[in-house]
Protein backbone atom coordinates (compact mmCIF):
# COMPACT_ATOMS: atom_id res chain seq x y z
CA UNK A 1 -20.96 91.05 32.32
CA UNK A 2 -22.93 91.31 35.49
CA UNK A 3 -25.95 88.40 36.31
CA UNK A 4 -28.72 91.27 34.38
CA UNK A 5 -26.36 91.08 31.87
CA UNK A 6 -26.60 87.80 31.29
CA UNK A 7 -30.27 86.85 31.86
CA UNK A 8 -30.98 89.95 29.41
CA UNK A 9 -28.17 88.28 26.83
CA UNK A 10 -30.25 85.29 27.13
CA UNK A 11 -33.69 86.61 27.18
CA UNK A 12 -32.59 87.96 23.62
CA UNK A 13 -31.27 85.23 22.08
CA UNK A 14 -34.58 82.95 23.05
CA UNK A 15 -36.49 85.84 20.99
CA UNK A 16 -34.41 85.65 17.85
CA UNK A 17 -34.65 82.34 18.25
CA UNK A 18 -38.38 82.05 18.40
CA UNK A 19 -38.42 84.37 15.50
CA UNK A 20 -35.84 82.79 13.64
CA UNK A 21 -37.57 79.84 13.86
CA UNK A 22 -41.51 81.26 13.02
CA UNK A 23 -40.09 82.82 10.22
CA UNK A 24 -38.72 79.26 8.75
CA UNK A 25 -42.12 77.29 9.87
CA UNK A 26 -44.36 79.99 8.37
CA UNK A 27 -42.20 79.54 4.97
CA UNK A 28 -42.86 76.49 4.38
CA UNK A 29 -46.50 76.46 4.81
CA UNK A 30 -47.26 79.55 2.44
CA UNK A 31 -45.03 78.15 -0.26
CA UNK A 32 -47.56 77.08 -2.46
CA UNK A 33 -48.66 80.69 -3.38
CA UNK A 34 -46.78 82.66 -6.14
CA UNK A 35 -46.58 86.12 -6.88
CA UNK A 36 -45.05 88.40 -9.02
CA UNK A 37 -43.05 90.96 -8.42
CA UNK A 38 -41.67 93.74 -11.22
CA UNK A 39 -39.77 96.11 -9.62
CA UNK A 40 -37.50 96.78 -12.07
CA UNK A 41 -40.14 95.98 -15.05
CA UNK A 42 -41.54 93.13 -16.99
CA UNK A 43 -38.63 91.14 -19.08
CA UNK A 44 -37.92 87.52 -18.20
CA UNK A 45 -34.98 85.15 -17.98
CA UNK A 46 -34.92 81.98 -19.98
CA UNK A 47 -37.82 82.10 -20.06
CA UNK A 48 -38.80 82.31 -16.41
CA UNK A 49 -40.38 85.97 -15.39
CA UNK A 50 -38.05 87.72 -13.05
CA UNK A 51 -39.40 87.62 -9.89
CA UNK A 52 -42.17 85.38 -10.43
CA UNK A 53 -41.37 83.67 -7.15
CA UNK A 54 -43.37 82.01 -4.27
CA UNK A 55 -44.88 84.04 -1.10
CA UNK A 56 -42.96 81.83 1.17
CA UNK A 57 -39.77 83.69 0.37
CA UNK A 58 -40.80 86.76 1.66
CA UNK A 59 -40.19 85.55 5.73
CA UNK A 60 -36.96 83.43 4.27
CA UNK A 61 -34.47 86.19 4.14
CA UNK A 62 -35.33 86.80 7.93
CA UNK A 63 -33.40 83.80 9.13
CA UNK A 64 -30.33 84.86 7.64
CA UNK A 65 -30.64 88.01 8.87
CA UNK A 66 -31.31 86.10 13.07
CA UNK A 67 -28.09 83.87 11.87
CA UNK A 68 -25.91 86.42 10.72
CA UNK A 69 -26.96 88.43 13.96
CA UNK A 70 -26.55 85.48 16.75
CA UNK A 71 -22.95 84.55 14.55
CA UNK A 72 -21.88 88.17 15.03
CA UNK A 73 -22.94 88.40 19.35
CA UNK A 74 -23.36 85.23 20.01
CA UNK A 75 -21.09 82.75 18.00
CA UNK A 76 -21.00 79.81 15.75
CA UNK A 77 -21.76 77.54 17.93
CA UNK A 78 -25.14 79.35 19.36
CA UNK A 79 -26.01 80.15 15.41
CA UNK A 80 -25.74 76.88 14.10
CA UNK A 81 -27.94 75.78 17.20
CA UNK A 82 -30.76 77.76 16.05
CA UNK A 83 -30.48 76.10 12.53
CA UNK A 84 -30.77 72.96 14.38
CA UNK A 85 -33.83 74.07 16.06
CA UNK A 86 -35.30 75.34 12.76
CA UNK A 87 -35.18 72.01 11.35
CA UNK A 88 -36.55 70.28 13.94
CA UNK A 89 -39.73 72.38 14.44
CA UNK A 90 -39.81 72.79 11.01
CA UNK A 91 -40.48 68.76 10.62
CA UNK A 92 -42.57 68.45 13.59
CA UNK A 93 -44.78 71.14 12.06
CA UNK A 94 -45.08 69.60 8.69
CA UNK A 95 -46.01 66.44 10.81
CA UNK A 96 -48.84 68.08 12.47
CA UNK A 97 -50.45 68.89 8.97
CA UNK A 98 -50.11 65.66 7.60
CA UNK A 99 -51.71 64.19 10.88
CA UNK A 100 -54.56 66.94 10.28
CA UNK A 101 -54.61 65.74 6.76
CA UNK A 102 -55.63 62.28 7.46
CA UNK A 103 -58.62 63.46 10.14
CA UNK A 104 -61.50 63.33 8.46
CA UNK A 105 -63.76 66.55 8.73
CA UNK A 106 -67.12 66.61 9.85
CA UNK A 107 -70.30 67.49 7.84
CA UNK A 108 -70.47 70.47 9.71
CA UNK A 109 -66.80 71.87 9.93
CA UNK A 110 -66.24 75.39 8.14
CA UNK A 111 -63.53 73.83 6.22
CA UNK A 112 -64.12 70.40 4.37
CA UNK A 113 -61.30 68.11 3.28
CA UNK A 114 -60.48 69.19 0.00
CA UNK A 115 -60.44 73.24 1.09
CA UNK A 116 -58.04 72.34 3.99
CA UNK A 117 -56.02 69.85 1.55
CA UNK A 118 -55.53 72.24 -1.26
CA UNK A 119 -54.31 74.51 1.19
CA UNK A 120 -52.30 72.74 3.41
CA UNK A 121 -51.07 69.76 1.04
CA UNK A 122 -47.46 68.80 1.56
CA UNK A 123 -45.51 67.51 -1.53
CA UNK A 124 -42.94 65.71 0.06
CA UNK A 125 -40.28 66.26 -2.43
CA UNK A 126 -41.09 69.60 -2.23
CA UNK A 127 -40.73 69.97 1.72
CA UNK A 128 -37.02 67.56 1.30
CA UNK A 129 -35.92 69.71 -1.28
CA UNK A 130 -36.90 72.45 0.93
CA UNK A 131 -34.91 71.08 3.86
CA UNK A 132 -31.99 70.10 2.14
CA UNK A 133 -31.57 73.51 0.60
CA UNK A 134 -31.94 75.15 3.77
CA UNK A 135 -29.68 72.83 5.66
CA UNK A 136 -26.44 73.27 3.58
CA UNK A 137 -27.45 77.16 2.73
CA UNK A 138 -27.89 77.77 6.63
CA UNK A 139 -24.82 76.22 7.60
CA UNK A 140 -22.49 77.54 4.78
CA UNK A 141 -23.33 81.05 5.68
CA UNK A 142 -22.30 80.20 9.36
CA UNK A 143 -19.06 79.48 8.42
CA UNK A 144 -18.83 81.82 5.88
CA UNK A 145 -19.51 84.27 8.13
CA UNK A 146 -17.46 83.17 10.63
CA UNK A 147 -14.28 82.71 8.04
CA UNK A 148 -14.84 86.67 6.81
CA UNK A 149 -15.01 87.72 11.15
CA UNK A 150 -11.46 85.70 11.65
CA UNK A 151 -10.31 86.94 8.24
CA UNK A 152 -10.74 90.85 9.14
CA UNK A 153 -10.32 90.55 12.43
CA UNK A 154 -14.26 91.49 13.25
CA UNK A 155 -14.08 94.79 11.17
CA UNK A 156 -16.09 95.69 8.11
CA UNK A 157 -19.46 93.98 8.89
CA UNK A 158 -20.97 94.38 5.66
CA UNK A 159 -18.27 92.28 3.93
CA UNK A 160 -19.30 88.85 6.03
CA UNK A 161 -22.83 89.74 6.10
CA UNK A 162 -22.77 90.16 1.82
CA UNK A 163 -20.52 87.67 1.22
CA UNK A 164 -22.38 84.79 3.28
CA UNK A 165 -25.55 85.35 2.18
CA UNK A 166 -24.82 85.77 -1.48
CA UNK A 167 -22.59 82.51 -1.14
CA UNK A 168 -25.39 80.13 0.67
CA UNK A 169 -28.13 82.08 -1.25
CA UNK A 170 -26.75 80.51 -4.21
CA UNK A 171 -26.68 77.19 -3.04
CA UNK A 172 -30.26 77.62 -1.56
CA UNK A 173 -31.58 78.30 -4.28
CA UNK A 174 -29.60 75.94 -6.86
CA UNK A 175 -30.25 73.09 -4.37
CA UNK A 176 -34.24 73.50 -3.85
CA UNK A 177 -34.57 74.26 -7.80
CA UNK A 178 -32.62 71.49 -8.34
CA UNK A 179 -33.70 69.07 -6.49
CA UNK A 180 -37.23 69.71 -7.73
CA UNK A 181 -35.87 69.19 -11.33
CA UNK A 182 -34.19 65.67 -10.64
CA UNK A 183 -38.11 64.83 -8.61
CA UNK A 184 -40.06 65.73 -11.69
CA UNK A 185 -41.81 68.70 -9.71
CA UNK A 186 -40.76 71.38 -11.84
CA UNK A 187 -39.22 70.66 -15.56
CA UNK A 188 -35.60 70.92 -16.42
CA UNK A 189 -36.47 74.35 -18.98
CA UNK A 190 -37.01 76.58 -16.43
CA UNK A 191 -34.51 75.04 -14.10
CA UNK A 192 -31.90 78.66 -14.72
CA UNK A 193 -34.64 80.96 -15.44
CA UNK A 194 -35.75 79.93 -11.57
CA UNK A 195 -32.72 79.76 -10.23
CA UNK A 196 -31.26 83.58 -11.55
CA UNK A 197 -34.29 84.74 -10.83
CA UNK A 198 -34.70 83.59 -7.19
CA UNK A 199 -30.95 84.81 -6.91
CA UNK A 200 -31.32 87.78 -7.72
CA UNK A 201 -33.98 88.41 -5.87
CA UNK A 202 -32.00 87.02 -2.55
CA UNK A 203 -29.51 89.07 -3.14
CA UNK A 204 -31.53 92.30 -3.63
CA UNK A 205 -32.72 91.25 0.03
CA UNK A 206 -29.70 91.07 1.19
CA UNK A 207 -28.62 94.23 0.48
CA UNK A 208 -31.77 95.59 2.14
CA UNK A 209 -31.15 93.82 5.39
CA UNK A 210 -27.40 94.89 5.48
CA UNK A 211 -28.44 98.17 7.22
CA UNK A 212 -30.79 96.43 9.58
CA UNK A 213 -27.82 94.08 10.59
CA UNK A 214 -25.51 97.23 11.46
CA UNK A 215 -28.26 98.90 12.93
CA UNK A 216 -29.30 95.74 15.57
CA UNK A 217 -25.32 94.77 16.06
CA UNK A 218 -24.81 98.69 16.97
CA UNK A 219 -27.26 98.10 19.45
CA UNK A 220 -26.53 95.39 21.36
CA UNK A 221 -22.80 96.56 21.19
CA UNK A 222 -23.72 99.71 22.91
CA UNK A 223 -25.74 97.63 25.28
CA UNK A 224 -23.87 94.84 26.68
CA UNK A 225 -20.51 96.55 26.37
CA UNK A 226 -18.83 94.88 23.85
CA UNK A 227 -15.79 95.60 21.54
CA UNK A 228 -15.29 94.78 17.65
CA UNK A 229 -14.90 91.13 16.99
CA UNK A 230 -16.05 90.62 20.83
CA UNK A 231 -18.95 87.61 21.95
CA UNK A 232 -20.99 87.06 24.20
CA UNK A 233 -20.80 83.57 26.13
CA UNK A 234 -24.60 82.38 27.61
CA UNK A 235 -23.53 80.04 29.99
CA UNK A 236 -27.08 78.79 30.47
């Protein structure tokens, strides 16, 4: 690979990392708003309406698409680095918001203290549950992705993309809902309904992002002349 190609590959990696971190941080900032999406009709599962979910879940699948792309093109180590950076960025953004909440608003402030708190007030338990679930899910996703990549010798991209996402999203959903129930944020009688509804939604999105992963991998392989299963080694 030429010096020019190496620089371009590194720049793309940085931009992918920026998209990943932005998606993750935003999902933690907007999670308090919930909506109901009913493409399959109005019915419930264990007392919970199907796809009655937080808007915070909307940018979340993007993070798995990006880590799968980085895993495929740049390797497991670089994917794990992005996940670690995302954890740091999320915790740092939470700290900034907590400090901003403590600072009293002046009388002429367009946004007063109560409005700011109602929008940005963070439940420490909810944030902790989200971070623990995310940590488990992302590292599991990357590990399983590379297990299937090695097993299939770099072939069958759809297999590792979907099978890694299925298990990691199940772990993510069970962990975050379970922790919220353990700490009393949510009642236990909603556990199964929220897990099933959230998991089905994430699986549905995982199927939808597979064509995008194929397209992006194809573009990257063609641009950098990579064979199936070959990865770019970043020297910087």
